[in-house]
Amino acid sequence: MMERNIPIMAYCPMAQAGRLRKNINSNPMLKEIANSHGLSIIELLLCFVLQKNQIIAIPRTSNP
């Protein structure tokens, strides 16, 4: 995809699905990494996805 200049969209960049969802905010490894960079876990996950060129992250939004 990247050879053809086609961006990739990250599916669930904040673990909205899958095994991580239930424990994402209490994961000790993610907490340690996020704290060492002065980030929240959610910010860390988005940074991980966005550090690559041509990857688009569309976090879920909702109305309260």
PDB file of N, CA and C in Angstrom:
ATOM      1  N   MET A   1       0.813  -1.188   0.000  1.00  0.00           N
ATOM      2  CA  MET A   1       0.000   0.000   0.000  1.00  0.00           C
ATOM      3  C   MET A   1       0.866   1.265   0.000  1.00  0.00           C
ATOM      4  N   MET A   2       1.892   1.261   0.815  1.00  0.00           N
ATOM      5  CA  MET A   2       2.713   2.460   0.920  1.00  0.00           C
ATOM      6  C   MET A   2       3.490   2.721  -0.363  1.00  0.00           C
ATOM      7  N   GLU A   3       3.854   1.637  -1.072  1.00  0.00           N
ATOM      8  CA  GLU A   3       4.568   1.821  -2.335  1.00  0.00           C
ATOM      9  C   GLU A   3       3.705   2.571  -3.340  1.00  0.00           C
ATOM     10  N   ARG A   4       2.412   2.423  -3.211  1.00  0.00           N
ATOM     11  CA  ARG A   4       1.477   3.073  -4.136  1.00  0.00           C
ATOM     12  C   ARG A   4       0.875   4.353  -3.559  1.00  0.00           C
ATOM     13  N   ASN A   5       1.407   4.797  -2.428  1.00  0.00           N
ATOM     14  CA  ASN A   5       0.962   6.039  -1.804  1.00  0.00           C
ATOM     15  C   ASN A   5      -0.499   5.980  -1.351  1.00  0.00           C
ATOM     16  N   ILE A   6      -0.929   4.817  -0.892  1.00  0.00           N
ATOM     17  CA  ILE A   6      -2.295   4.636  -0.406  1.00  0.00           C
ATOM     18  C   ILE A   6      -2.242   4.593   1.121  1.00  0.00           C
ATOM     19  N   PRO A   7      -2.903   5.523   1.806  1.00  0.00           N
ATOM     20  CA  PRO A   7      -2.864   5.512   3.273  1.00  0.00           C
ATOM     21  C   PRO A   7      -3.639   4.329   3.852  1.00  0.00           C
ATOM     22  N   ILE A   8      -3.277   3.964   5.056  1.00  0.00           N
ATOM     23  CA  ILE A   8      -3.930   2.880   5.776  1.00  0.00           C
ATOM     24  C   ILE A   8      -4.675   3.490   6.956  1.00  0.00           C
ATOM     25  N   MET A   9      -5.896   3.024   7.209  1.00  0.00           N
ATOM     26  CA  MET A   9      -6.647   3.500   8.363  1.00  0.00           C
ATOM     27  C   MET A   9      -6.509   2.492   9.499  1.00  0.00           C
ATOM     28  N   ALA A  10      -6.122   2.984  10.671  1.00  0.00           N
ATOM     29  CA  ALA A  10      -5.975   2.117  11.839  1.00  0.00           C
ATOM     30  C   ALA A  10      -7.354   1.772  12.386  1.00  0.00           C
ATOM     31  N   TYR A  11      -7.628   0.491  12.511  1.00  0.00           N
ATOM     32  CA  TYR A  11      -8.897   0.034  13.071  1.00  0.00           C
ATOM     33  C   TYR A  11      -8.756  -0.036  14.585  1.00  0.00           C
ATOM     34  N   CYS A  12      -9.623   0.628  15.297  1.00  0.00           N
ATOM     35  CA  CYS A  12      -9.626   0.622  16.769  1.00  0.00           C
ATOM     36  C   CYS A  12      -8.287   1.078  17.355  1.00  0.00           C
ATOM     37  N   PRO A  13      -7.817   2.285  17.046  1.00  0.00           N
ATOM     38  CA  PRO A  13      -6.515   2.710  17.555  1.00  0.00           C
ATOM     39  C   PRO A  13      -6.460   2.821  19.072  1.00  0.00           C
ATOM     40  N   MET A  14      -7.600   2.852  19.731  1.00  0.00           N
ATOM     41  CA  MET A  14      -7.619   2.941  21.190  1.00  0.00           C
ATOM     42  C   MET A  14      -8.211   1.678  21.814  1.00  0.00           C
ATOM     43  N   ALA A  15      -8.023   0.550  21.150  1.00  0.00           N
ATOM     44  CA  ALA A  15      -8.474  -0.754  21.650  1.00  0.00           C
ATOM     45  C   ALA A  15      -9.971  -0.774  21.938  1.00  0.00           C
ATOM     46  N   GLN A  16     -10.750  -0.256  21.012  1.00  0.00           N
ATOM     47  CA  GLN A  16     -12.198  -0.236  21.194  1.00  0.00           C
ATOM     48  C   GLN A  16     -12.799  -1.628  21.044  1.00  0.00           C
ATOM     49  N   ALA A  17     -12.024  -2.546  20.558  1.00  0.00           N
ATOM     50  CA  ALA A  17     -12.493  -3.922  20.415  1.00  0.00           C
ATOM     51  C   ALA A  17     -11.348  -4.846  20.778  1.00  0.00           C
ATOM     52  N   GLY A  18     -11.653  -6.092  20.947  1.00  0.00           N
ATOM     53  CA  GLY A  18     -10.604  -7.054  21.219  1.00  0.00           C
ATOM     54  C   GLY A  18     -10.324  -7.250  22.692  1.00  0.00           C
ATOM     55  N   ARG A  19      -9.271  -8.020  22.967  1.00  0.00           N
ATOM     56  CA  ARG A  19      -8.949  -8.432  24.334  1.00  0.00           C
ATOM     57  C   ARG A  19      -8.505  -7.286  25.232  1.00  0.00           C
ATOM     58  N   LEU A  20      -7.869  -6.272  24.686  1.00  0.00           N
ATOM     59  CA  LEU A  20      -7.337  -5.187  25.516  1.00  0.00           C
ATOM     60  C   LEU A  20      -8.402  -4.275  26.104  1.00  0.00           C
ATOM     61  N   ARG A  21      -9.557  -4.238  25.514  1.00  0.00           N
ATOM     62  CA  ARG A  21     -10.561  -3.236  25.886  1.00  0.00           C
ATOM     63  C   ARG A  21     -10.856  -3.190  27.383  1.00  0.00           C
ATOM     64  N   LYS A  22     -11.063  -4.343  28.013  1.00  0.00           N
ATOM     65  CA  LYS A  22     -11.464  -4.359  29.421  1.00  0.00           C
ATOM     66  C   LYS A  22     -10.386  -3.813  30.350  1.00  0.00           C
ATOM     67  N   ASN A  23      -9.144  -4.070  30.048  1.00  0.00           N
ATOM     68  CA  ASN A  23      -8.064  -3.744  30.981  1.00  0.00           C
ATOM     69  C   ASN A  23      -7.096  -2.695  30.462  1.00  0.00           C
ATOM     70  N   ILE A  24      -7.500  -1.959  29.461  1.00  0.00           N
ATOM     71  CA  ILE A  24      -6.561  -1.033  28.823  1.00  0.00           C
ATOM     72  C   ILE A  24      -5.989  -0.001  29.802  1.00  0.00           C
ATOM     73  N   ASN A  25      -6.825   0.548  30.685  1.00  0.00           N
ATOM     74  CA  ASN A  25      -6.354   1.592  31.598  1.00  0.00           C
ATOM     75  C   ASN A  25      -5.623   1.053  32.815  1.00  0.00           C
ATOM     76  N   SER A  26      -5.639  -0.250  33.022  1.00  0.00           N
ATOM     77  CA  SER A  26      -4.924  -0.821  34.160  1.00  0.00           C
ATOM     78  C   SER A  26      -3.743  -1.692  33.727  1.00  0.00           C
ATOM     79  N   ASN A  27      -3.414  -1.677  32.451  1.00  0.00           N
ATOM     80  CA  ASN A  27      -2.299  -2.472  31.950  1.00  0.00           C
ATOM     81  C   ASN A  27      -0.992  -1.884  32.475  1.00  0.00           C
ATOM     82  N   PRO A  28      -0.233  -2.634  33.293  1.00  0.00           N
ATOM     83  CA  PRO A  28       0.973  -2.082  33.910  1.00  0.00           C
ATOM     84  C   PRO A  28       2.046  -1.661  32.910  1.00  0.00           C
ATOM     85  N   MET A  29       2.198  -2.395  31.828  1.00  0.00           N
ATOM     86  CA  MET A  29       3.215  -2.047  30.831  1.00  0.00           C
ATOM     87  C   MET A  29       2.856  -0.733  30.148  1.00  0.00           C
ATOM     88  N   LEU A  30       1.594  -0.591  29.746  1.00  0.00           N
ATOM     89  CA  LEU A  30       1.167   0.650  29.105  1.00  0.00           C
ATOM     90  C   LEU A  30       1.264   1.827  30.067  1.00  0.00           C
ATOM     91  N   LYS A  31       0.907   1.607  31.339  1.00  0.00           N
ATOM     92  CA  LYS A  31       1.021   2.674  32.346  1.00  0.00           C
ATOM     93  C   LYS A  31       2.467   3.139  32.477  1.00  0.00           C
ATOM     94  N   GLU A  32       3.375   2.189  32.563  1.00  0.00           N
ATOM     95  CA  GLU A  32       4.795   2.516  32.726  1.00  0.00           C
ATOM     96  C   GLU A  32       5.326   3.315  31.540  1.00  0.00           C
ATOM     97  N   ILE A  33       5.020   2.860  30.343  1.00  0.00           N
ATOM     98  CA  ILE A  33       5.497   3.555  29.143  1.00  0.00           C
ATOM     99  C   ILE A  33       4.871   4.940  29.039  1.00  0.00           C
ATOM    100  N   ALA A  34       3.564   5.030  29.258  1.00  0.00           N
ATOM    101  CA  ALA A  34       2.873   6.320  29.174  1.00  0.00           C
ATOM    102  C   ALA A  34       3.425   7.294  30.212  1.00  0.00           C
ATOM    103  N   ASN A  35       3.584   6.841  31.453  1.00  0.00           N
ATOM    104  CA  ASN A  35       4.108   7.712  32.511  1.00  0.00           C
ATOM    105  C   ASN A  35       5.516   8.196  32.202  1.00  0.00           C
ATOM    106  N   SER A  36       6.334   7.336  31.621  1.00  0.00           N
ATOM    107  CA  SER A  36       7.715   7.736  31.324  1.00  0.00           C
ATOM    108  C   SER A  36       7.784   8.829  30.258  1.00  0.00           C
ATOM    109  N   HIS A  37       6.722   8.965  29.479  1.00  0.00           N
ATOM    110  CA  HIS A  37       6.673   9.998  28.443  1.00  0.00           C
ATOM    111  C   HIS A  37       5.719  11.139  28.795  1.00  0.00           C
ATOM    112  N   GLY A  38       5.141  11.098  29.981  1.00  0.00           N
ATOM    113  CA  GLY A  38       4.210  12.143  30.402  1.00  0.00           C
ATOM    114  C   GLY A  38       2.905  12.127  29.616  1.00  0.00           C
ATOM    115  N   LEU A  39       2.445  10.938  29.236  1.00  0.00           N
ATOM    116  CA  LEU A  39       1.234  10.794  28.433  1.00  0.00           C
ATOM    117  C   LEU A  39       0.196   9.961  29.168  1.00  0.00           C
ATOM    118  N   SER A  40      -1.047  10.098  28.737  1.00  0.00           N
ATOM    119  CA  SER A  40      -2.071   9.155  29.176  1.00  0.00           C
ATOM    120  C   SER A  40      -1.932   7.903  28.308  1.00  0.00           C
ATOM    121  N   ILE A  41      -2.574   6.829  28.710  1.00  0.00           N
ATOM    122  CA  ILE A  41      -2.512   5.602  27.915  1.00  0.00           C
ATOM    123  C   ILE A  41      -3.146   5.822  26.546  1.00  0.00           C
ATOM    124  N   ILE A  42      -4.245   6.551  26.501  1.00  0.00           N
ATOM    125  CA  ILE A  42      -4.908   6.827  25.221  1.00  0.00           C
ATOM    126  C   ILE A  42      -3.988   7.630  24.307  1.00  0.00           C
ATOM    127  N   GLU A  43      -3.317   8.646  24.854  1.00  0.00           N
ATOM    128  CA  GLU A  43      -2.369   9.430  24.049  1.00  0.00           C
ATOM    129  C   GLU A  43      -1.236   8.548  23.533  1.00  0.00           C
ATOM    130  N   LEU A  44      -0.759   7.645  24.368  1.00  0.00           N
ATOM    131  CA  LEU A  44       0.301   6.722  23.965  1.00  0.00           C
ATOM    132  C   LEU A  44      -0.137   5.856  22.788  1.00  0.00           C
ATOM    133  N   LEU A  45      -1.345   5.304  22.861  1.00  0.00           N
ATOM    134  CA  LEU A  45      -1.845   4.458  21.779  1.00  0.00           C
ATOM    135  C   LEU A  45      -1.969   5.233  20.474  1.00  0.00           C
ATOM    136  N   LEU A  46      -2.470   6.459  20.557  1.00  0.00           N
ATOM    137  CA  LEU A  46      -2.590   7.274  19.345  1.00  0.00           C
ATOM    138  C   LEU A  46      -1.220   7.642  18.788  1.00  0.00           C
ATOM    139  N   CYS A  47      -0.276   7.973  19.663  1.00  0.00           N
ATOM    140  CA  CYS A  47       1.084   8.292  19.197  1.00  0.00           C
ATOM    141  C   CYS A  47       1.715   7.101  18.490  1.00  0.00           C
ATOM    142  N   PHE A  48       1.495   5.911  19.026  1.00  0.00           N
ATOM    143  CA  PHE A  48       2.051   4.708  18.416  1.00  0.00           C
ATOM    144  C   PHE A  48       1.553   4.543  16.984  1.00  0.00           C
ATOM    145  N   VAL A  49       0.265   4.766  16.791  1.00  0.00           N
ATOM    146  CA  VAL A  49      -0.317   4.621  15.453  1.00  0.00           C
ATOM    147  C   VAL A  49       0.152   5.741  14.533  1.00  0.00           C
ATOM    148  N   LEU A  50       0.174   6.964  15.039  1.00  0.00           N
ATOM    149  CA  LEU A  50       0.454   8.123  14.191  1.00  0.00           C
ATOM    150  C   LEU A  50       1.932   8.336  13.887  1.00  0.00           C
ATOM    151  N   GLN A  51       2.821   7.592  14.529  1.00  0.00           N
ATOM    152  CA  GLN A  51       4.251   7.786  14.266  1.00  0.00           C
ATOM    153  C   GLN A  51       4.661   7.289  12.884  1.00  0.00           C
ATOM    154  N   LYS A  52       3.846   6.486  12.275  1.00  0.00           N
ATOM    155  CA  LYS A  52       4.138   5.953  10.947  1.00  0.00           C
ATOM    156  C   LYS A  52       3.538   6.852   9.872  1.00  0.00           C
ATOM    157  N   ASN A  53       4.262   7.019   8.785  1.00  0.00           N
ATOM    158  CA  ASN A  53       3.734   7.803   7.667  1.00  0.00           C
ATOM    159  C   ASN A  53       2.584   7.064   7.010  1.00  0.00           C
ATOM    160  N   GLN A  54       1.660   7.800   6.523  1.00  0.00           N
ATOM    161  CA  GLN A  54       0.524   7.299   5.748  1.00  0.00           C
ATOM    162  C   GLN A  54      -0.402   6.372   6.535  1.00  0.00           C
ATOM    163  N   ILE A  55      -0.461   6.541   7.846  1.00  0.00           N
ATOM    164  CA  ILE A  55      -1.444   5.803   8.639  1.00  0.00           C
ATOM    165  C   ILE A  55      -2.397   6.819   9.243  1.00  0.00           C
ATOM    166  N   ILE A  56      -3.666   6.583   9.063  1.00  0.00           N
ATOM    167  CA  ILE A  56      -4.711   7.484   9.539  1.00  0.00           C
ATOM    168  C   ILE A  56      -5.392   6.830  10.733  1.00  0.00           C
ATOM    169  N   ALA A  57      -5.537   7.578  11.812  1.00  0.00           N
ATOM    170  CA  ALA A  57      -6.263   7.078  12.982  1.00  0.00           C
ATOM    171  C   ALA A  57      -7.518   7.920  13.158  1.00  0.00           C
ATOM    172  N   ILE A  58      -8.649   7.267  13.199  1.00  0.00           N
ATOM    173  CA  ILE A  58      -9.908   7.974  13.420  1.00  0.00           C
ATOM    174  C   ILE A  58     -10.498   7.437  14.717  1.00  0.00           C
ATOM    175  N   PRO A  59     -10.203   8.108  15.840  1.00  0.00           N
ATOM    176  CA  PRO A  59     -10.756   7.642  17.110  1.00  0.00           C
ATOM    177  C   PRO A  59     -12.275   7.774  17.113  1.00  0.00           C
ATOM    178  N   ARG A  60     -12.910   6.921  17.848  1.00  0.00           N
ATOM    179  CA  ARG A  60     -14.368   6.949  17.951  1.00  0.00           C
ATOM    180  C   ARG A  60     -14.815   8.201  18.700  1.00  0.00           C
ATOM    181  N   THR A  61     -15.916   8.761  18.256  1.00  0.00           N
ATOM    182  CA  THR A  61     -16.514   9.888  18.955  1.00  0.00           C
ATOM    183  C   THR A  61     -17.962   9.546  19.255  1.00  0.00           C
ATOM    184  N   SER A  62     -18.512  10.253  20.217  1.00  0.00           N
ATOM    185  CA  SER A  62     -19.922  10.037  20.544  1.00  0.00           C
ATOM    186  C   SER A  62     -20.478  11.274  21.228  1.00  0.00           C
ATOM    187  N   ASN A  63     -21.752  11.340  21.291  1.00  0.00           N
ATOM    188  CA  ASN A  63     -22.434  12.413  22.014  1.00  0.00           C
ATOM    189  C   ASN A  63     -22.865  11.880  23.371  1.00  0.00           C
ATOM    190  N   PRO A  64     -22.659  12.671  24.423  1.00  0.00           N
ATOM    191  CA  PRO A  64     -23.076  12.195  25.753  1.00  0.00           C
ATOM    192  C   PRO A  64     -24.584  12.085  25.862  1.00  0.00           C
TER     193      PRO A  64
END
